[in-house]
Structures are given as C-alpha cells and as structure tokens.
Protein backbone atom coordinates (compact mmCIF):
# COMPACT_ATOMS: atom_id res chain seq x y z
CA MET A 1 26.70 7.10 310.32
CA LEU A 2 23.30 8.41 311.40
CA ALA A 3 22.87 8.96 315.11
CA LEU A 4 20.07 9.90 317.44
CA GLY A 5 20.94 12.96 319.50
CA SER A 6 20.09 13.53 323.11
CA ALA A 7 17.03 15.36 324.40
CA SER A 8 16.77 18.96 323.27
CA ARG A 9 14.59 21.96 323.82
CA TYR A 10 12.04 20.16 321.62
CA ALA A 11 11.57 17.39 324.17
CA ASN A 12 8.54 19.00 325.82
CA GLN A 13 6.83 20.70 322.90
CA PRO A 14 5.64 19.62 319.46
CA TYR A 15 7.97 20.26 316.55
CA VAL A 16 8.53 19.37 312.90
CA LEU A 17 11.75 17.61 311.90
CA LEU A 18 12.91 18.74 308.45
CA VAL A 19 15.88 16.97 306.88
CA SER A 20 17.04 18.44 303.57
CA ASP A 21 20.23 18.52 301.53
CA ARG A 22 19.10 21.73 299.77
CA PRO A 23 20.17 24.60 302.07
CA SER A 24 18.09 27.35 300.48
CA GLU A 25 14.94 25.23 300.30
CA ARG A 26 15.55 23.98 303.84
CA ALA A 27 15.79 27.53 305.15
CA ALA A 28 12.65 28.65 303.30
CA LEU A 29 10.57 25.71 304.53
CA GLU A 30 11.86 26.15 308.07
CA ARG A 31 10.83 29.83 308.15
CA ALA A 32 7.33 29.04 306.86
CA ILE A 33 6.70 26.03 309.10
CA ALA A 34 7.96 27.93 312.16
CA LEU A 35 4.95 30.23 311.81
CA VAL A 36 2.75 27.26 312.71
CA MET A 37 4.96 24.98 314.82
CA ASP A 38 8.58 24.83 315.97
CA CYS A 39 10.74 23.41 313.19
CA ARG A 40 14.14 21.75 313.51
CA ALA A 41 15.84 21.86 310.10
CA LEU A 42 18.90 19.64 309.63
CA ALA A 43 21.30 18.52 306.96
CA PRO A 44 21.19 14.72 306.34
CA GLU A 45 24.48 14.07 308.15
CA ALA A 46 23.42 15.87 311.37
CA ALA A 47 22.54 14.02 314.57
CA LEU A 48 18.80 13.48 314.90
CA PRO A 49 17.00 14.73 318.02
CA ALA A 50 15.73 12.08 320.42
CA ALA A 51 12.35 13.74 321.07
CA ARG A 52 9.47 12.42 319.01
CA PRO A 53 8.51 14.95 316.28
CA HIS A 54 4.96 15.72 315.21
CA LEU A 55 5.93 15.44 311.54
CA ILE A 56 9.02 14.38 309.58
CA ILE A 57 9.78 16.01 306.23
CA LEU A 58 12.49 14.32 304.14
CA ASP A 59 13.93 16.26 301.20
CA VAL A 60 16.84 14.03 300.15
CA PRO A 61 17.67 11.53 297.39
CA PRO A 62 15.78 8.19 297.55
CA HIS A 63 18.62 6.16 299.11
CA ARG A 64 19.14 8.78 301.83
CA ALA A 65 15.39 8.98 302.44
CA LEU A 66 15.26 5.22 302.95
CA ALA A 67 18.24 5.25 305.34
CA LEU A 68 16.82 8.15 307.35
CA ASP A 69 13.38 6.58 307.47
CA GLN A 70 14.80 3.31 308.79
CA THR A 71 16.83 5.12 311.44
CA LEU A 72 13.88 7.20 312.56
CA GLY A 73 11.53 4.24 312.40
CA ALA A 74 13.52 2.41 315.07
CA SER A 75 12.56 4.98 317.69
CA LYS A 76 9.75 7.14 316.31
CA SER A 77 6.71 4.91 316.04
CA ALA A 78 3.93 6.03 313.70
CA VAL A 79 5.27 9.55 313.07
CA PRO A 80 3.67 11.09 309.94
CA ARG A 81 6.16 11.58 307.09
CA LEU A 82 6.15 13.89 304.09
CA VAL A 83 8.75 12.89 301.49
CA LEU A 84 9.81 15.14 298.62
CA ALA A 85 10.79 12.53 296.04
CA ARG A 86 13.56 12.90 293.49
CA GLY A 87 12.45 11.06 290.35
CA GLU A 88 10.68 7.85 291.31
CA PRO A 89 9.02 7.80 294.76
CA ALA A 90 11.29 6.52 297.52
CA PRO A 91 10.62 2.84 298.45
CA LEU A 92 8.92 3.69 301.74
CA THR A 93 5.86 2.11 303.29
CA GLY A 94 3.65 2.59 306.31
CA ALA A 95 0.71 4.64 307.46
CA HIS A 96 0.69 8.45 307.53
CA LEU A 97 3.07 8.70 304.56
CA ARG A 98 2.77 11.23 301.73
CA GLN A 99 5.16 11.61 298.84
CA LEU A 100 5.33 14.63 296.53
CA PRO A 101 7.78 15.34 293.70
CA ALA A 102 10.66 17.52 294.88
CA THR A 103 9.67 19.94 292.09
CA THR A 104 6.27 20.56 293.70
CA PRO A 105 5.65 24.30 294.22
CA ARG A 106 6.49 25.36 297.75
CA GLN A 107 2.93 26.55 298.45
CA ILE A 108 1.60 23.04 297.78
CA VAL A 109 4.33 21.45 299.90
CA LEU A 110 3.43 23.77 302.77
CA ALA A 111 -0.31 23.13 302.36
CA ASN A 112 0.36 19.39 302.70
CA ALA A 113 2.68 19.94 305.66
CA PHE A 114 0.15 22.12 307.48
CA ALA A 115 -2.64 19.60 306.85
CA MET A 116 -0.46 16.80 308.26
CA ILE A 117 0.45 18.93 311.29
CA GLU A 118 -3.24 19.51 311.99
CA GLU A 119 -4.00 15.79 311.65
CA ALA A 120 -1.00 14.84 313.81
CA THR A 121 -2.11 17.28 316.52
CA ARG A 122 -5.52 15.63 316.68
CA SER A 123 -3.86 12.20 316.76
CA ALA A 124 -1.49 13.32 319.54
CA GLU A 125 -4.42 14.48 321.66
CA THR A 126 -6.13 11.13 321.12
CA ARG A 127 -2.93 9.26 322.02
CA LYS A 128 -2.51 11.34 325.18
CA ARG A 129 -6.07 10.65 326.30
CA ARG A 130 -5.77 6.93 325.54
CA LEU A 131 -2.41 6.75 327.33
CA GLY A 132 -3.94 8.29 330.44
CA GLU A 133 -6.69 5.69 330.35
CA GLN A 134 -4.17 2.87 329.90
CA VAL A 135 -1.99 4.01 332.79
CA THR A 136 -5.02 4.47 335.04
CA GLY A 137 -6.35 1.04 334.08
CA ALA A 138 -2.98 -0.68 334.53
CA THR A 139 -2.47 1.03 337.90
CA ALA A 140 -5.88 -0.17 339.08
CA ILE A 141 -5.08 -3.73 337.99
CA VAL A 142 -1.69 -3.76 339.76
CA SER A 143 -3.28 -2.25 342.88
CA ASP A 144 -5.98 -4.95 342.89
CA LEU A 145 -3.37 -7.69 342.41
CA PHE A 146 -1.33 -6.46 345.38
CA ASP A 147 -4.43 -5.99 347.54
CA SER A 148 -5.67 -9.49 346.72
CA ALA A 149 -2.25 -10.98 347.48
CA ALA A 150 -2.03 -9.08 350.77
CA LEU A 151 -5.45 -10.38 351.83
CA GLY A 152 -4.73 -13.97 350.78
CA ALA A 153 -7.33 -13.87 348.01
CA GLY A 154 -6.66 -15.50 344.64
CA LEU A 155 -5.10 -13.48 341.84
CA GLN A 156 -7.05 -13.38 338.59
CA PRO A 157 -4.88 -14.41 335.60
CA ALA A 158 -7.34 -12.60 333.32
CA ASP A 159 -6.53 -9.33 335.14
CA VAL A 160 -2.80 -9.93 334.67
CA ASP A 161 -3.42 -10.57 330.97
CA ARG A 162 -5.41 -7.33 330.64
CA GLY A 163 -2.65 -5.37 332.34
CA THR A 164 -0.08 -6.99 330.07
CA GLU A 165 -2.00 -5.95 326.95
CA MET A 166 -2.40 -2.39 328.26
CA VAL A 167 1.35 -2.04 328.78
CA LEU A 168 2.26 -3.59 325.43
CA ASP A 169 -0.28 -1.52 323.50
CA ALA A 170 0.70 1.74 325.19
CA VAL A 171 4.46 1.30 324.85
CA SER A 172 4.08 0.17 321.23
CA GLU A 173 2.04 3.27 320.41
CA VAL A 174 3.78 6.05 322.34
CA GLY A 175 7.17 4.63 323.37
CA ILE A 176 8.77 4.08 326.76
CA GLY A 177 9.45 7.78 327.36
CA ALA A 178 5.78 8.81 327.20
CA TRP A 179 4.76 5.73 329.19
CA LEU A 180 7.17 6.57 332.01
CA GLU A 181 6.18 10.25 332.04
CA ALA A 182 2.55 9.19 332.51
CA VAL A 183 3.38 6.56 335.15
CA TRP A 184 5.62 8.96 337.07
CA ARG A 185 2.71 11.37 337.53
CA TYR A 186 1.38 8.89 340.09
CA ASP A 187 3.04 8.79 343.52
CA ILE A 188 2.23 5.14 344.10
CA GLY A 189 5.46 3.52 345.26
CA VAL A 190 5.64 -0.16 344.44
CA TYR A 191 2.87 0.09 341.84
CA GLN A 192 4.78 2.80 339.99
CA HIS A 193 7.92 0.65 340.06
CA THR A 194 6.00 -2.38 338.76
CA LEU A 195 4.62 -0.41 335.81
CA GLY A 196 8.06 1.05 335.09
CA VAL A 197 9.66 -2.40 334.99
CA ALA A 198 6.84 -3.66 332.77
CA GLY A 199 7.31 -0.73 330.37
CA HIS A 200 11.06 -1.29 330.16
CA ALA A 201 10.51 -5.01 329.62
CA ALA A 202 8.03 -4.35 326.80
CA THR A 203 10.46 -1.96 325.14
CA PHE A 204 13.56 -4.10 325.52
CA GLY A 205 11.80 -7.32 324.56
CA SER A 206 10.52 -5.73 321.36
CA GLN A 207 13.94 -4.36 320.45
CA ILE A 208 15.69 -7.72 320.83
CA GLY A 209 13.07 -9.41 318.65
CA LEU A 210 10.98 -11.47 321.06
CA GLY A 211 7.87 -12.97 319.48
CA ARG A 212 4.45 -11.92 320.72
CA SER A 213 3.96 -14.91 323.02
CA ASP A 214 7.39 -14.47 324.63
CA LEU A 215 6.83 -10.72 324.90
CA ASN A 216 3.50 -11.31 326.65
CA ARG A 217 5.18 -13.74 329.03
CA LEU A 218 7.96 -11.24 329.76
CA VAL A 219 5.60 -8.36 330.56
CA ARG A 220 3.32 -10.64 332.57
CA ALA A 221 6.33 -11.66 334.66
CA ALA A 222 7.28 -7.99 335.08
CA LEU A 223 3.83 -7.13 336.43
CA LEU A 224 4.13 -9.93 339.00
CA HIS A 225 7.84 -9.81 339.83
CA ASP A 226 7.38 -7.89 343.10
CA ILE A 227 4.03 -9.41 344.16
CA GLY A 228 5.75 -10.75 347.29
CA LYS A 229 6.08 -7.17 348.52
CA SER A 230 2.32 -7.29 349.15
CA ARG A 231 3.18 -9.21 352.34
CA ILE A 232 5.96 -6.82 353.46
CA PRO A 233 4.89 -4.17 356.03
CA VAL A 234 4.22 -0.84 354.37
CA GLU A 235 6.44 1.00 356.85
CA ILE A 236 9.38 -1.00 355.53
CA LEU A 237 8.42 -0.56 351.86
CA ASN A 238 8.06 3.21 352.29
CA LYS A 239 10.84 3.82 354.80
CA PRO A 240 12.57 7.12 353.85
CA GLY A 241 16.09 5.85 354.37
CA PRO A 242 18.26 2.72 354.59
CA LEU A 243 16.75 -0.42 356.12
CA ASN A 244 18.26 -1.85 359.29
CA PRO A 245 19.59 -5.45 359.11
CA GLU A 246 16.34 -7.03 360.34
CA GLU A 247 14.23 -4.99 357.92
CA PHE A 248 16.60 -5.82 355.07
CA ARG A 249 16.35 -9.57 355.83
CA LEU A 250 12.57 -9.29 355.72
CA MET A 251 12.66 -7.35 352.47
CA GLN A 252 14.90 -10.02 350.96
CA ARG A 253 12.14 -12.57 351.52
CA HIS A 254 9.78 -10.94 349.00
CA PRO A 255 10.92 -13.02 345.97
CA GLU A 256 10.33 -16.29 347.83
CA ILE A 257 7.05 -15.05 349.28
CA GLY A 258 5.81 -14.08 345.82
CA ALA A 259 6.85 -17.38 344.23
CA VAL A 260 5.18 -19.44 346.97
CA LEU A 261 2.03 -17.37 346.59
CA LEU A 262 1.83 -18.01 342.82
CA GLU A 263 2.76 -21.69 343.16
CA ALA A 264 0.00 -22.21 345.72
CA GLN A 265 -2.58 -20.73 343.38
CA GLY A 266 -1.56 -23.00 340.48
CA ASP A 267 -2.66 -20.66 337.68
CA PHE A 268 0.71 -19.23 336.63
CA GLU A 269 3.41 -20.52 334.31
CA PRO A 270 6.62 -21.89 335.85
CA VAL A 271 8.70 -19.39 333.84
CA VAL A 272 6.77 -16.51 335.40
CA ILE A 273 7.20 -17.97 338.89
CA ASP A 274 10.92 -18.37 338.09
CA VAL A 275 11.14 -14.60 337.45
CA VAL A 276 9.27 -13.79 340.64
CA ARG A 277 11.58 -16.00 342.73
CA HIS A 278 14.91 -15.21 341.07
CA HIS A 279 14.89 -11.59 339.85
CA HIS A 280 17.38 -10.70 342.63
CA GLU A 281 19.87 -13.42 341.75
CA ARG A 282 23.27 -12.35 340.40
CA ILE A 283 25.42 -13.77 337.62
CA ASP A 284 28.27 -14.22 340.14
CA GLY A 285 26.10 -16.25 342.54
CA LYS A 286 25.91 -13.60 345.26
CA GLY A 287 22.21 -12.85 344.89
CA TYR A 288 19.17 -14.21 346.73
CA PRO A 289 17.23 -16.29 347.65
CA ASP A 290 18.93 -19.34 346.06
CA ARG A 291 22.37 -17.96 345.14
CA LEU A 292 22.01 -19.11 341.54
CA ALA A 293 24.89 -18.30 339.20
CA GLY A 294 25.69 -18.17 335.50
CA THR A 295 23.57 -20.37 333.23
CA ALA A 296 21.36 -21.44 336.15
CA ILE A 297 19.68 -18.03 335.75
CA SER A 298 17.18 -18.04 332.86
CA ASP A 299 17.15 -15.46 330.07
CA LEU A 300 13.76 -14.15 331.18
CA VAL A 301 15.08 -13.57 334.71
CA ARG A 302 18.18 -11.82 333.32
CA ILE A 303 16.06 -9.43 331.26
CA ILE A 304 13.71 -8.59 334.15
CA SER A 305 16.68 -8.10 336.49
CA ILE A 306 18.14 -5.45 334.18
CA CYS A 307 14.77 -3.69 333.82
CA ASP A 308 14.24 -3.88 337.59
CA VAL A 309 17.59 -2.31 338.46
CA PHE A 310 17.33 0.40 335.79
CA SER A 311 13.79 1.29 336.90
CA ALA A 312 14.82 1.48 340.55
CA LEU A 313 17.76 3.77 339.81
CA THR A 314 15.79 6.20 337.61
CA GLU A 315 12.69 6.47 339.80
CA ARG A 316 11.96 9.12 342.41
CA ARG A 317 12.60 7.93 345.95
CA THR A 318 11.95 9.78 349.20
CA TYR A 319 15.60 9.42 350.22
CA ARG A 320 17.37 10.31 346.94
CA GLN A 321 17.08 11.99 343.57
CA PRO A 322 16.57 9.77 340.51
CA ALA A 323 19.61 8.96 338.39
CA SER A 324 19.60 9.96 334.74
CA GLY A 325 19.63 7.21 332.13
CA PRO A 326 23.39 7.45 331.50
CA GLU A 327 24.12 7.62 335.24
CA ALA A 328 22.01 4.54 335.90
CA LEU A 329 23.66 2.59 333.09
CA ALA A 330 27.12 3.56 334.37
CA ILE A 331 26.23 2.25 337.83
CA MET A 332 24.93 -0.99 336.32
CA VAL A 333 28.05 -1.52 334.20
CA GLU A 334 30.31 -0.89 337.19
CA ALA A 335 28.45 -3.47 339.28
CA GLN A 336 30.38 -6.35 337.71
CA GLY A 337 29.02 -9.80 338.39
CA HIS A 338 25.46 -8.60 338.95
CA LEU A 339 23.80 -8.39 335.52
CA ASP A 340 24.24 -10.21 332.21
CA PRO A 341 26.86 -8.09 330.37
CA ASP A 342 25.71 -9.06 326.86
CA LEU A 343 22.09 -8.17 327.56
CA LEU A 344 23.19 -4.97 329.30
CA ARG A 345 25.12 -3.92 326.18
CA ALA A 346 21.96 -4.46 324.13
CA PHE A 347 19.79 -2.66 326.72
CA ALA A 348 21.84 0.55 326.89
CA PRO A 349 21.13 2.00 323.41
CA VAL A 350 17.43 1.13 323.72
CA MET A 351 17.10 3.21 326.88
CA LEU A 352 19.33 6.06 325.73
CA GLY A 353 17.19 6.37 322.61
CA SER A 354 14.34 7.62 324.82
CA ASN A 355 14.24 11.38 325.33
CA ALA A 356 12.77 10.82 328.81
CA LEU A 357 15.91 8.98 329.89
CA ALA A 358 18.72 10.34 327.75
CA ALA A 359 19.37 13.57 329.63
C-alpha cells in the first residue's frame, strides 16, 4: 500500500520527486537532476515524502503511474508531472502534465525536466507572492471584524464572504501547511487563531467531500466562531499564564456574547450563529454555554470544534510551546467525551498529511 511519509530534509527546500522501477535509469536521472535541484529518487513501493515537490517524474508501468498519481494528487495540489509512458500513454489528466515514451533519449527527458523545473520555480514564486497577499488581506478583514464588534458597529457580511473566499482559494492552491506557515509569521493572537481554524476547516471540509456552498458556510463560521472575544478584555485574552476563576468565567462567556452579537445584527445564517454559540460544547454534555450533548450538537459545530482544538494546541502561546500534529491528535483522542470520535478519525490523516504538522 502506498503511504505518505513524514516531513524530511526536503520540507524547506524545493526538490524533484522521481519514482522509477528501473534502478539504473533512476540513478542516472537522479545524478543529472541533482545538478539543478535536489532530487529524491524512490522505488514505487517506497513511502512518499510529505513535503510538496516542485516536480514529479513517474517512470513506472501505466497502472502504477495511475495509482501513484492518485495518491500524490490527494495531497499535492497542482504539482507538475512528467510521465515516462510504457506503450500507450498512462490515463492521466490535469494541468502541468507531460508524457514522453519511456524510450525517449535521456537528454530529451532531462531537457523536458529542466524546462518544467524552471516553469515550476516561476509558478512557486507567484504562488508565494499571492499567498502573502491573501494572508495579509484575510488578516485585515478579521481585524476589522473584531474591531467593529468591539466598538458595537455592524459587521459587513460582504467582508466575511471576501475573507472566506481568500481562505478557500489559498488553501486549495497551496495546502494547509503553506497557509499555516504564512499565518504563523504574524504574531496576532486571536486573529492568527481565527485564520488557523478557518484554514483547517477549509482543508477538512474539502477532504470529507462538502459541496461548495457547505464549504463556504463552514469557513464563514470558522472566521466568526470567536467574534465574542472582541468583547473580552485584552489583558485576559493575552494573559501569559492560566486564568483565575473569575477570568475563566468571563472567557467562557465569549460564545454567547458572539451569538447575541450576530443575532442582533440579523444578517447571518442560523447555522453560523449555532457554531459561534456552541463550538465549546462537548459530546458528553459537559461543555458550555448550554451543556448540549450528543445529537443536539450539529455536524458543523462538531467540525469547527475539532479544528478549534487542534489549532489551539499547535499554535505558539506565550506560556507554552506548540504541540506537534501527532501530539495534538493524541491529546484530542485521549480527551474522551469531548469531540466527535468518527470525525476525529477522519480528521487525523488529513492533518498528518501536511508536512507543516507531521513532525
């Protein structure tokens, strides 16, 4: 069975992934490509690295090429692929795909590979610049939403929709790992957490097959889930240590505060307000503010709750180091009665497939 490996030394630098069942040809191509860019050459049965490659070269029979392409496609969006076809071209589709006969002279194979590396490098630079713009824009929107809520001014649904599209577009293009790396460059407390939860929600919602309208609703709810914190004193939000009982009781009011705020405005869907009010409920009924339990907690709330907890555990905090992805998931699994176990089982492989979180 094909498996995605954990983060490797390729996580922070561009590399070419070469998968070939011809050892001598694999070694020759690896030596030549390594003159231009790091190359990871693997046999088809080897575990695949989690880090996103610049280029994938597949030199295997058609059925293996299709299986590998499907496995890689689940976690490597829009990676250019060069396929050395045996007989008829492999039944692959998608942009940035080239197929050459496996009998093509090595010089021509390398010329195509180098041209695709050059094109991918330009594309990567464009993606990086666009990602920076998306994170900056989304941060500004979330900041404005919280400021407006704190001042008692009305929130603009159009701004929430723009932020939702920014998150969905960015995560779809670069993946959750790159999104989080860009978000984590900002030391912006609750805004950073909001964008992390939204990124996780976009990723998880896509992986479990939500349609576009439901995915939009999910990410919109994620962007607003902590809006009640706009009315919590900043010294409590940013306190570098545990809250005392009075501070904790005040902090626990933020879901209700946020829901009342959105209800009063009248521009937001009930399912979104439901997430804002109930994202701290627990399956066992021990959450807050309404002590809902079991089926009384909606699926949308259950998804956001998982993303909220995972984001909180893996983020930098002034009073502790962030947990790794596996550490955070272990904590979440051990906290029986808190989160939906079926959704958590589906969530785990999605997050561990990201090189930013797998280590």
